[in-house]
Amino acid sequence: MIDDQASAEAFTPKEDRKFFTSDNNGRNLPTATKRKRGRPRRSPRIMRKSSADYNHDPLASAGLFNKIIKAKKPSASRPSESYALTKKRALEKQKPVYVDTERLVIGNHGERQPRVNTIDFLKFLVNSFTPRILGTKWINEEALHHDFRNYLIYHLNYLSDLHSNIHDVSTKIKDIQKRKNEMRNKIFELKAQHNILGANIVKNRDYYNEERHSFQARMQTFEEMCNISERLNQSDKNSLTNEQEALSRSTSAENELISLGKIINPATGLYSKLIAVNERLSNINQHLN
């Protein structure tokens, strides 16, 4: 893009060129002074510009020419009225506008056909726009428009690249956000399963403690029953020994009684015989005396 001063130096004859200095800044204004305090007064130039009798031309500010155009006269540099890109009649449908995106579908876009955005439409407008040539002798309008168009296209391409990069980054961020949400859901599910497993472990631990206490109680009762059975066996053995002793004593007493019966028996016992012998001896003793 060629700026105003460069274009003036390139396309303006040397005899018609104006050089800008601190004293002559293109508008024949005095040098800038220090601003005073307080509310600034309204410039008479601005008041004159707001009038309908004058129209400001951007080329006049560059010092190329300072021409006053009456409002009554038709201006050749005045922009024309806006019109539709695709004209249609009252009963016709709107015709489609075909915009060349000039980009390939690569990267993480994932689109079969690229979508048209505002930057593509602006590039289409810049490329399809045909400016009106005013026919001035001071500048080369075609070269100026060409340079300005290339400048706009360059920056629009730069914006398009930034837009595609932002779109790729946003797509990656969405994918990462999606995976993050999936991992978060998995973590929540695993946490819920962990809580369920923890509850089951606590339940099984309580059941194990109850079973262990019941087993210990049963083993204690079994040991007590074994002790009782041993005591009963010992008491049975003691009773058998006592019975055997009693039987032995009774048999010995019976034997003694039998032996005594043989002695005391009045018919065949020794006691009766001794009594009879004693009686006979006493009789003999009496006869002898």
C-alpha atoms as a PDB file:
ATOM      1  CA  MET A   1       0.000   0.000   0.000  1.00  0.00           C
ATOM      2  CA  ILE A   2       1.429   3.381  -1.037  1.00  0.00           C
ATOM      3  CA  ASP A   3       0.640   6.082   1.467  1.00  0.00           C
ATOM      4  CA  ASP A   4      -0.508   9.572   0.536  1.00  0.00           C
ATOM      5  CA  GLN A   5       2.897  11.263   0.635  1.00  0.00           C
ATOM      6  CA  ALA A   6       4.616   8.480  -1.317  1.00  0.00           C
ATOM      7  CA  SER A   7       1.867   8.477  -3.926  1.00  0.00           C
ATOM      8  CA  ALA A   8       2.150  12.257  -4.183  1.00  0.00           C
ATOM      9  CA  GLU A   9       5.881  12.021  -4.747  1.00  0.00           C
ATOM     10  CA  ALA A  10       5.543   9.167  -7.247  1.00  0.00           C
ATOM     11  CA  PHE A  11       2.684  10.420  -9.394  1.00  0.00           C
ATOM     12  CA  THR A  12       2.906  14.218  -9.043  1.00  0.00           C
ATOM     13  CA  PRO A  13       5.132  16.292 -11.320  1.00  0.00           C
ATOM     14  CA  LYS A  14       8.098  17.991  -9.693  1.00  0.00           C
ATOM     15  CA  GLU A  15       6.892  21.480 -10.499  1.00  0.00           C
ATOM     16  CA  ASP A  16       3.536  20.787  -8.786  1.00  0.00           C
ATOM     17  CA  ARG A  17       4.904  19.038  -5.688  1.00  0.00           C
ATOM     18  CA  LYS A  18       4.563  20.578  -2.261  1.00  0.00           C
ATOM     19  CA  PHE A  19       7.015  19.876   0.531  1.00  0.00           C
ATOM     20  CA  PHE A  20       5.663  19.643   4.064  1.00  0.00           C
ATOM     21  CA  THR A  21       7.606  21.236   6.871  1.00  0.00           C
ATOM     22  CA  SER A  22       6.854  22.277  10.422  1.00  0.00           C
ATOM     23  CA  ASP A  23       5.737  25.665   9.062  1.00  0.00           C
ATOM     24  CA  ASN A  24       3.842  24.221   6.127  1.00  0.00           C
ATOM     25  CA  ASN A  25       1.934  21.031   7.015  1.00  0.00           C
ATOM     26  CA  GLY A  26      -0.306  20.753   3.959  1.00  0.00           C
ATOM     27  CA  ARG A  27      -3.112  22.833   5.372  1.00  0.00           C
ATOM     28  CA  ASN A  28      -1.079  26.029   5.900  1.00  0.00           C
ATOM     29  CA  LEU A  29      -1.714  25.788   9.622  1.00  0.00           C
ATOM     30  CA  PRO A  30       0.597  27.237  12.261  1.00  0.00           C
ATOM     31  CA  THR A  31       2.771  24.986  14.355  1.00  0.00           C
ATOM     32  CA  ALA A  32       1.176  23.209  17.254  1.00  0.00           C
ATOM     33  CA  THR A  33       1.287  25.178  20.491  1.00  0.00           C
ATOM     34  CA  LYS A  34       0.925  24.045  24.050  1.00  0.00           C
ATOM     35  CA  ARG A  35      -2.675  23.414  24.966  1.00  0.00           C
ATOM     36  CA  LYS A  36      -4.091  25.804  27.522  1.00  0.00           C
ATOM     37  CA  ARG A  37      -6.079  24.740  30.505  1.00  0.00           C
ATOM     38  CA  GLY A  38      -9.831  24.836  30.497  1.00  0.00           C
ATOM     39  CA  ARG A  39     -12.450  23.857  27.978  1.00  0.00           C
ATOM     40  CA  PRO A  40     -11.145  24.272  24.409  1.00  0.00           C
ATOM     41  CA  ARG A  41     -12.974  26.646  22.121  1.00  0.00           C
ATOM     42  CA  ARG A  42     -14.676  25.334  19.028  1.00  0.00           C
ATOM     43  CA  SER A  43     -12.517  25.825  15.970  1.00  0.00           C
ATOM     44  CA  PRO A  44     -14.028  28.054  13.285  1.00  0.00           C
ATOM     45  CA  ARG A  45     -12.673  25.661  10.675  1.00  0.00           C
ATOM     46  CA  ILE A  46     -14.787  22.838  12.135  1.00  0.00           C
ATOM     47  CA  MET A  47     -17.814  25.095  12.196  1.00  0.00           C
ATOM     48  CA  ARG A  48     -17.147  25.976   8.574  1.00  0.00           C
ATOM     49  CA  LYS A  49     -16.753  22.291   7.671  1.00  0.00           C
ATOM     50  CA  SER A  50     -20.132  21.407   9.163  1.00  0.00           C
ATOM     51  CA  SER A  51     -21.805  23.736   6.709  1.00  0.00           C
ATOM     52  CA  ALA A  52     -23.658  22.298   3.720  1.00  0.00           C
ATOM     53  CA  ASP A  53     -21.775  24.580   1.306  1.00  0.00           C
ATOM     54  CA  TYR A  54     -18.517  22.677   1.738  1.00  0.00           C
ATOM     55  CA  ASN A  55     -17.506  19.045   1.263  1.00  0.00           C
ATOM     56  CA  HIS A  56     -14.271  17.544   2.562  1.00  0.00           C
ATOM     57  CA  ASP A  57     -12.137  15.556   0.126  1.00  0.00           C
ATOM     58  CA  PRO A  58      -9.511  13.193   1.652  1.00  0.00           C
ATOM     59  CA  LEU A  59      -7.014  14.161  -1.062  1.00  0.00           C
ATOM     60  CA  ALA A  60      -7.189  17.801   0.036  1.00  0.00           C
ATOM     61  CA  SER A  61      -5.856  16.871   3.504  1.00  0.00           C
ATOM     62  CA  ALA A  62      -2.730  15.422   1.875  1.00  0.00           C
ATOM     63  CA  GLY A  63      -1.907  18.743   0.303  1.00  0.00           C
ATOM     64  CA  LEU A  64      -2.408  17.568  -3.272  1.00  0.00           C
ATOM     65  CA  PHE A  65      -5.123  20.090  -3.935  1.00  0.00           C
ATOM     66  CA  ASN A  66      -7.479  22.131  -1.828  1.00  0.00           C
ATOM     67  CA  LYS A  67     -10.591  22.569  -3.847  1.00  0.00           C
ATOM     68  CA  ILE A  68     -13.932  23.773  -2.565  1.00  0.00           C
ATOM     69  CA  ILE A  69     -16.871  21.929  -4.059  1.00  0.00           C
ATOM     70  CA  LYS A  70     -20.268  23.481  -3.874  1.00  0.00           C
ATOM     71  CA  ALA A  71     -23.055  21.310  -2.550  1.00  0.00           C
ATOM     72  CA  LYS A  72     -25.325  22.266  -5.418  1.00  0.00           C
ATOM     73  CA  LYS A  73     -22.940  20.881  -8.040  1.00  0.00           C
ATOM     74  CA  PRO A  74     -22.837  17.089  -8.550  1.00  0.00           C
ATOM     75  CA  SER A  75     -19.601  15.627  -7.137  1.00  0.00           C
ATOM     76  CA  ALA A  76     -17.773  13.040  -9.233  1.00  0.00           C
ATOM     77  CA  SER A  77     -16.003  11.616  -6.143  1.00  0.00           C
ATOM     78  CA  ARG A  78     -19.224  11.161  -4.187  1.00  0.00           C
ATOM     79  CA  PRO A  79     -19.943   7.417  -3.690  1.00  0.00           C
ATOM     80  CA  SER A  80     -22.863   5.978  -5.531  1.00  0.00           C
ATOM     81  CA  GLU A  81     -25.867   4.458  -3.820  1.00  0.00           C
ATOM     82  CA  SER A  82     -25.605   0.887  -2.521  1.00  0.00           C
ATOM     83  CA  TYR A  83     -26.997  -1.865  -4.715  1.00  0.00           C
ATOM     84  CA  ALA A  84     -27.539  -5.581  -4.295  1.00  0.00           C
ATOM     85  CA  LEU A  85     -24.833  -8.009  -5.349  1.00  0.00           C
ATOM     86  CA  THR A  86     -27.328 -10.145  -7.241  1.00  0.00           C
ATOM     87  CA  LYS A  87     -30.175  -8.175  -8.734  1.00  0.00           C
ATOM     88  CA  LYS A  88     -33.614  -9.709  -8.866  1.00  0.00           C
ATOM     89  CA  ARG A  89     -37.051  -8.742  -9.961  1.00  0.00           C
ATOM     90  CA  ALA A  90     -40.149  -8.581  -7.811  1.00  0.00           C
ATOM     91  CA  LEU A  91     -41.198 -12.205  -8.443  1.00  0.00           C
ATOM     92  CA  GLU A  92     -37.746 -13.734  -8.883  1.00  0.00           C
ATOM     93  CA  LYS A  93     -35.816 -15.669  -6.284  1.00  0.00           C
ATOM     94  CA  GLN A  94     -32.484 -14.475  -5.002  1.00  0.00           C
ATOM     95  CA  LYS A  95     -29.613 -15.868  -7.050  1.00  0.00           C
ATOM     96  CA  PRO A  96     -26.812 -17.552  -5.104  1.00  0.00           C
ATOM     97  CA  VAL A  97     -23.418 -15.938  -4.718  1.00  0.00           C
ATOM     98  CA  TYR A  98     -20.455 -18.232  -5.367  1.00  0.00           C
ATOM     99  CA  VAL A  99     -17.429 -17.404  -3.233  1.00  0.00           C
ATOM    100  CA  ASP A 100     -14.076 -19.087  -3.793  1.00  0.00           C
ATOM    101  CA  THR A 101     -12.608 -19.919  -0.391  1.00  0.00           C
ATOM    102  CA  GLU A 102      -9.103 -20.631  -1.796  1.00  0.00           C
ATOM    103  CA  ARG A 103      -8.187 -23.053   0.957  1.00  0.00           C
ATOM    104  CA  LEU A 104      -7.888 -26.802   1.381  1.00  0.00           C
ATOM    105  CA  VAL A 105      -9.588 -28.966   3.961  1.00  0.00           C
ATOM    106  CA  ILE A 106      -6.644 -30.163   6.029  1.00  0.00           C
ATOM    107  CA  GLY A 107      -5.761 -30.399   9.661  1.00  0.00           C
ATOM    108  CA  ASN A 108      -8.404 -30.937  12.285  1.00  0.00           C
ATOM    109  CA  HIS A 109     -11.253 -29.183  10.505  1.00  0.00           C
ATOM    110  CA  GLY A 110     -13.047 -32.451   9.717  1.00  0.00           C
ATOM    111  CA  GLU A 111     -15.287 -30.799   7.116  1.00  0.00           C
ATOM    112  CA  ARG A 112     -15.990 -32.278   3.708  1.00  0.00           C
ATOM    113  CA  GLN A 113     -16.608 -28.828   2.253  1.00  0.00           C
ATOM    114  CA  PRO A 114     -15.139 -25.615   3.684  1.00  0.00           C
ATOM    115  CA  ARG A 115     -17.616 -23.097   4.992  1.00  0.00           C
ATOM    116  CA  VAL A 116     -17.658 -19.495   3.839  1.00  0.00           C
ATOM    117  CA  ASN A 117     -16.958 -16.998   6.591  1.00  0.00           C
ATOM    118  CA  THR A 118     -16.971 -13.219   6.746  1.00  0.00           C
ATOM    119  CA  ILE A 119     -13.322 -12.932   5.710  1.00  0.00           C
ATOM    120  CA  ASP A 120     -13.936 -14.981   2.556  1.00  0.00           C
ATOM    121  CA  PHE A 121     -16.887 -12.782   1.680  1.00  0.00           C
ATOM    122  CA  LEU A 122     -14.816  -9.629   2.254  1.00  0.00           C
ATOM    123  CA  LYS A 123     -12.094 -10.994  -0.030  1.00  0.00           C
ATOM    124  CA  PHE A 124     -14.751 -11.742  -2.622  1.00  0.00           C
ATOM    125  CA  LEU A 125     -16.046  -8.182  -2.379  1.00  0.00           C
ATOM    126  CA  VAL A 126     -12.551  -6.699  -2.631  1.00  0.00           C
ATOM    127  CA  ASN A 127     -11.668  -8.813  -5.664  1.00  0.00           C
ATOM    128  CA  SER A 128     -14.983  -8.250  -7.427  1.00  0.00           C
ATOM    129  CA  PHE A 129     -15.163  -4.520  -6.735  1.00  0.00           C
ATOM    130  CA  THR A 130     -14.395  -2.271  -9.707  1.00  0.00           C
ATOM    131  CA  PRO A 131     -13.663   1.287  -8.573  1.00  0.00           C
ATOM    132  CA  ARG A 132     -14.757   4.311 -10.503  1.00  0.00           C
ATOM    133  CA  ILE A 133     -11.870   6.108 -12.169  1.00  0.00           C
ATOM    134  CA  LEU A 134     -12.065   9.864 -11.587  1.00  0.00           C
ATOM    135  CA  GLY A 135      -9.480  10.698 -14.212  1.00  0.00           C
ATOM    136  CA  THR A 136      -7.280  12.994 -12.149  1.00  0.00           C
ATOM    137  CA  LYS A 137      -3.884  14.015 -13.461  1.00  0.00           C
ATOM    138  CA  TRP A 138      -2.219  14.100 -10.059  1.00  0.00           C
ATOM    139  CA  ILE A 139      -2.102  10.377  -9.242  1.00  0.00           C
ATOM    140  CA  ASN A 140      -2.260   7.049 -11.025  1.00  0.00           C
ATOM    141  CA  GLU A 141      -5.580   5.789  -9.743  1.00  0.00           C
ATOM    142  CA  GLU A 142      -5.282   2.294 -11.200  1.00  0.00           C
ATOM    143  CA  ALA A 143      -1.918   1.669  -9.516  1.00  0.00           C
ATOM    144  CA  LEU A 144      -3.215   3.133  -6.264  1.00  0.00           C
ATOM    145  CA  HIS A 145      -6.331   0.954  -6.329  1.00  0.00           C
ATOM    146  CA  HIS A 146      -4.241  -2.077  -7.255  1.00  0.00           C
ATOM    147  CA  ASP A 147      -1.841  -1.486  -4.370  1.00  0.00           C
ATOM    148  CA  PHE A 148      -4.693  -0.862  -1.956  1.00  0.00           C
ATOM    149  CA  ARG A 149      -6.443  -4.044  -3.115  1.00  0.00           C
ATOM    150  CA  ASN A 150      -3.270  -6.079  -2.655  1.00  0.00           C
ATOM    151  CA  TYR A 151      -2.819  -4.531   0.781  1.00  0.00           C
ATOM    152  CA  LEU A 152      -6.359  -5.490   1.787  1.00  0.00           C
ATOM    153  CA  ILE A 153      -6.028  -8.992   0.341  1.00  0.00           C
ATOM    154  CA  TYR A 154      -2.736  -9.485   2.195  1.00  0.00           C
ATOM    155  CA  HIS A 155      -4.238  -8.538   5.539  1.00  0.00           C
ATOM    156  CA  LEU A 156      -7.415 -10.506   4.850  1.00  0.00           C
ATOM    157  CA  ASN A 157      -5.296 -13.567   4.068  1.00  0.00           C
ATOM    158  CA  TYR A 158      -3.431 -12.982   7.309  1.00  0.00           C
ATOM    159  CA  LEU A 159      -6.744 -12.755   9.162  1.00  0.00           C
ATOM    160  CA  SER A 160      -7.912 -15.902   7.381  1.00  0.00           C
ATOM    161  CA  ASP A 161      -4.796 -17.745   8.558  1.00  0.00           C
ATOM    162  CA  LEU A 162      -5.366 -16.501  12.083  1.00  0.00           C
ATOM    163  CA  HIS A 163      -9.000 -17.568  11.858  1.00  0.00           C
ATOM    164  CA  SER A 164      -8.042 -21.062  10.694  1.00  0.00           C
ATOM    165  CA  ASN A 165      -5.435 -21.335  13.456  1.00  0.00           C
ATOM    166  CA  ILE A 166      -7.964 -20.178  16.027  1.00  0.00           C
ATOM    167  CA  HIS A 167     -10.461 -22.671  14.618  1.00  0.00           C
ATOM    168  CA  ASP A 168      -7.897 -25.488  14.874  1.00  0.00           C
ATOM    169  CA  VAL A 169      -6.989 -24.484  18.413  1.00  0.00           C
ATOM    170  CA  SER A 170     -10.659 -24.242  19.397  1.00  0.00           C
ATOM    171  CA  THR A 171     -11.283 -27.676  17.849  1.00  0.00           C
ATOM    172  CA  LYS A 172      -8.366 -29.113  19.818  1.00  0.00           C
ATOM    173  CA  ILE A 173      -9.639 -27.415  22.955  1.00  0.00           C
ATOM    174  CA  LYS A 174     -13.092 -28.899  22.357  1.00  0.00           C
ATOM    175  CA  ASP A 175     -11.572 -32.350  21.875  1.00  0.00           C
ATOM    176  CA  ILE A 176      -9.490 -31.956  25.015  1.00  0.00           C
ATOM    177  CA  GLN A 177     -12.545 -30.688  26.886  1.00  0.00           C
ATOM    178  CA  LYS A 178     -14.538 -33.665  25.624  1.00  0.00           C
ATOM    179  CA  ARG A 179     -11.836 -36.107  26.677  1.00  0.00           C
ATOM    180  CA  LYS A 180     -11.528 -34.312  29.998  1.00  0.00           C
ATOM    181  CA  ASN A 181     -15.270 -34.680  30.571  1.00  0.00           C
ATOM    182  CA  GLU A 182     -15.073 -38.352  29.584  1.00  0.00           C
ATOM    183  CA  MET A 183     -12.176 -38.914  31.982  1.00  0.00           C
ATOM    184  CA  ARG A 184     -14.060 -37.024  34.672  1.00  0.00           C
ATOM    185  CA  ASN A 185     -17.114 -39.226  34.123  1.00  0.00           C
ATOM    186  CA  LYS A 186     -14.895 -42.311  34.264  1.00  0.00           C
ATOM    187  CA  ILE A 187     -13.341 -41.026  37.480  1.00  0.00           C
ATOM    188  CA  PHE A 188     -16.815 -40.469  38.931  1.00  0.00           C
ATOM    189  CA  GLU A 189     -17.868 -43.973  37.857  1.00  0.00           C
ATOM    190  CA  LEU A 190     -14.709 -45.497  39.337  1.00  0.00           C
ATOM    191  CA  LYS A 191     -15.258 -43.493  42.510  1.00  0.00           C
ATOM    192  CA  ALA A 192     -18.834 -44.787  42.743  1.00  0.00           C
ATOM    193  CA  GLN A 193     -17.590 -48.350  42.170  1.00  0.00           C
ATOM    194  CA  HIS A 194     -14.888 -47.771  44.782  1.00  0.00           C
ATOM    195  CA  ASN A 195     -17.530 -46.634  47.269  1.00  0.00           C
ATOM    196  CA  ILE A 196     -19.645 -49.710  46.479  1.00  0.00           C
ATOM    197  CA  LEU A 197     -16.614 -51.987  46.895  1.00  0.00           C
ATOM    198  CA  GLY A 198     -15.725 -50.238  50.149  1.00  0.00           C
ATOM    199  CA  ALA A 199     -19.259 -50.776  51.456  1.00  0.00           C
ATOM    200  CA  ASN A 200     -19.100 -54.458  50.426  1.00  0.00           C
ATOM    201  CA  ILE A 201     -15.705 -54.845  52.118  1.00  0.00           C
ATOM    202  CA  VAL A 202     -17.044 -53.300  55.332  1.00  0.00           C
ATOM    203  CA  LYS A 203     -20.100 -55.569  55.150  1.00  0.00           C
ATOM    204  CA  ASN A 204     -17.939 -58.658  54.598  1.00  0.00           C
ATOM    205  CA  ARG A 205     -15.607 -57.588  57.416  1.00  0.00           C
ATOM    206  CA  ASP A 206     -18.552 -57.252  59.814  1.00  0.00           C
ATOM    207  CA  TYR A 207     -19.885 -60.638  58.684  1.00  0.00           C
ATOM    208  CA  TYR A 208     -16.420 -62.175  59.209  1.00  0.00           C
ATOM    209  CA  ASN A 209     -16.177 -60.684  62.705  1.00  0.00           C
ATOM    210  CA  GLU A 210     -19.624 -62.016  63.587  1.00  0.00           C
ATOM    211  CA  GLU A 211     -18.746 -65.477  62.271  1.00  0.00           C
ATOM    212  CA  ARG A 212     -15.427 -65.437  64.123  1.00  0.00           C
ATOM    213  CA  HIS A 213     -17.127 -64.492  67.399  1.00  0.00           C
ATOM    214  CA  SER A 214     -19.757 -67.191  66.900  1.00  0.00           C
ATOM    215  CA  PHE A 215     -17.043 -69.743  66.062  1.00  0.00           C
ATOM    216  CA  GLN A 216     -15.076 -68.795  69.165  1.00  0.00           C
ATOM    217  CA  ALA A 217     -18.234 -69.119  71.261  1.00  0.00           C
ATOM    218  CA  ARG A 218     -18.953 -72.540  69.742  1.00  0.00           C
ATOM    219  CA  MET A 219     -15.370 -73.669  70.354  1.00  0.00           C
ATOM    220  CA  GLN A 220     -15.626 -72.494  73.947  1.00  0.00           C
ATOM    221  CA  THR A 221     -18.856 -74.437  74.448  1.00  0.00           C
ATOM    222  CA  PHE A 222     -17.250 -77.466  72.778  1.00  0.00           C
ATOM    223  CA  GLU A 223     -14.266 -77.281  75.145  1.00  0.00           C
ATOM    224  CA  GLU A 224     -16.607 -76.962  78.096  1.00  0.00           C
ATOM    225  CA  MET A 225     -18.568 -79.984  76.899  1.00  0.00           C
ATOM    226  CA  CYS A 226     -15.316 -81.931  76.501  1.00  0.00           C
ATOM    227  CA  ASN A 227     -14.310 -81.005  80.038  1.00  0.00           C
ATOM    228  CA  ILE A 228     -17.712 -82.067  81.314  1.00  0.00           C
ATOM    229  CA  SER A 229     -17.477 -85.372  79.456  1.00  0.00           C
ATOM    230  CA  GLU A 230     -13.999 -85.993  80.906  1.00  0.00           C
ATOM    231  CA  ARG A 231     -15.283 -85.244  84.379  1.00  0.00           C
ATOM    232  CA  LEU A 232     -18.187 -87.614  83.833  1.00  0.00           C
ATOM    233  CA  ASN A 233     -15.842 -90.327  82.630  1.00  0.00           C
ATOM    234  CA  GLN A 234     -13.642 -89.806  85.661  1.00  0.00           C
ATOM    235  CA  SER A 235     -16.674 -89.986  87.954  1.00  0.00           C
ATOM    236  CA  ASP A 236     -17.820 -93.178  86.206  1.00  0.00           C
ATOM    237  CA  LYS A 237     -14.401 -94.702  86.684  1.00  0.00           C
ATOM    238  CA  ASN A 238     -14.449 -93.746  90.380  1.00  0.00           C
ATOM    239  CA  SER A 239     -17.894 -95.246  90.810  1.00  0.00           C
ATOM    240  CA  LEU A 240     -16.738 -98.482  89.154  1.00  0.00           C
ATOM    241  CA  THR A 241     -13.766 -98.694  91.487  1.00  0.00           C
ATOM    242  CA  ASN A 242     -16.036 -98.088  94.457  1.00  0.00           C
ATOM    243  CA  GLU A 243     -18.426-100.784  93.275  1.00  0.00           C
ATOM    244  CA  GLN A 244     -15.557-103.194  92.782  1.00  0.00           C
ATOM    245  CA  GLU A 245     -14.280-102.445  96.280  1.00  0.00           C
ATOM    246  CA  ALA A 246     -17.767-102.925  97.674  1.00  0.00           C
ATOM    247  CA  LEU A 247     -18.119-106.224  95.818  1.00  0.00           C
ATOM    248  CA  SER A 248     -14.771-107.380  97.071  1.00  0.00           C
ATOM    249  CA  ARG A 249     -15.723-106.452 100.595  1.00  0.00           C
ATOM    250  CA  SER A 250     -19.080-108.181 100.330  1.00  0.00           C
ATOM    251  CA  THR A 251     -17.459-111.332  98.965  1.00  0.00           C
ATOM    252  CA  SER A 252     -14.922-111.325 101.781  1.00  0.00           C
ATOM    253  CA  ALA A 253     -17.721-110.845 104.288  1.00  0.00           C
ATOM    254  CA  GLU A 254     -19.695-113.650 102.711  1.00  0.00           C
ATOM    255  CA  ASN A 255     -16.651-115.907 102.837  1.00  0.00           C
ATOM    256  CA  GLU A 256     -16.143-115.042 106.464  1.00  0.00           C
ATOM    257  CA  LEU A 257     -19.813-115.673 107.137  1.00  0.00           C
ATOM    258  CA  ILE A 258     -19.578-119.008 105.368  1.00  0.00           C
ATOM    259  CA  SER A 259     -16.534-119.905 107.420  1.00  0.00           C
ATOM    260  CA  LEU A 260     -18.301-118.780 110.582  1.00  0.00           C
ATOM    261  CA  GLY A 261     -21.395-120.695 109.492  1.00  0.00           C
ATOM    262  CA  LYS A 262     -19.333-123.830 109.361  1.00  0.00           C
ATOM    263  CA  ILE A 263     -18.245-123.156 112.928  1.00  0.00           C
ATOM    264  CA  ILE A 264     -21.604-122.060 114.338  1.00  0.00           C
ATOM    265  CA  ASN A 265     -23.789-124.540 112.418  1.00  0.00           C
ATOM    266  CA  PRO A 266     -25.753-126.414 115.137  1.00  0.00           C
ATOM    267  CA  ALA A 267     -25.777-129.611 113.214  1.00  0.00           C
ATOM    268  CA  THR A 268     -22.370-129.838 111.746  1.00  0.00           C
ATOM    269  CA  GLY A 269     -20.661-126.803 113.183  1.00  0.00           C
ATOM    270  CA  LEU A 270     -17.603-126.814 115.392  1.00  0.00           C
ATOM    271  CA  TYR A 271     -19.295-124.691 117.985  1.00  0.00           C
ATOM    272  CA  SER A 272     -21.998-127.266 118.706  1.00  0.00           C
ATOM    273  CA  LYS A 273     -19.407-130.006 118.824  1.00  0.00           C
ATOM    274  CA  LEU A 274     -17.323-128.043 121.269  1.00  0.00           C
ATOM    275  CA  ILE A 275     -20.374-127.473 123.451  1.00  0.00           C
ATOM    276  CA  ALA A 276     -21.122-131.189 123.388  1.00  0.00           C
ATOM    277  CA  VAL A 277     -17.504-132.017 124.233  1.00  0.00           C
ATOM    278  CA  ASN A 278     -17.525-129.507 127.069  1.00  0.00           C
ATOM    279  CA  GLU A 279     -20.729-131.051 128.437  1.00  0.00           C
ATOM    280  CA  ARG A 280     -19.238-134.502 128.333  1.00  0.00           C
ATOM    281  CA  LEU A 281     -16.095-133.336 129.977  1.00  0.00           C
ATOM    282  CA  SER A 282     -18.099-131.653 132.708  1.00  0.00           C
ATOM    283  CA  ASN A 283     -20.046-134.903 133.261  1.00  0.00           C
ATOM    284  CA  ILE A 284     -16.878-136.889 133.450  1.00  0.00           C
ATOM    285  CA  ASN A 285     -15.456-134.410 135.903  1.00  0.00           C
ATOM    286  CA  GLN A 286     -18.564-134.758 138.064  1.00  0.00           C
ATOM    287  CA  HIS A 287     -18.340-138.568 138.044  1.00  0.00           C
ATOM    288  CA  LEU A 288     -14.747-138.392 138.997  1.00  0.00           C
ATOM    289  CA  ASN A 289     -15.403-136.177 141.965  1.00  0.00           C
END
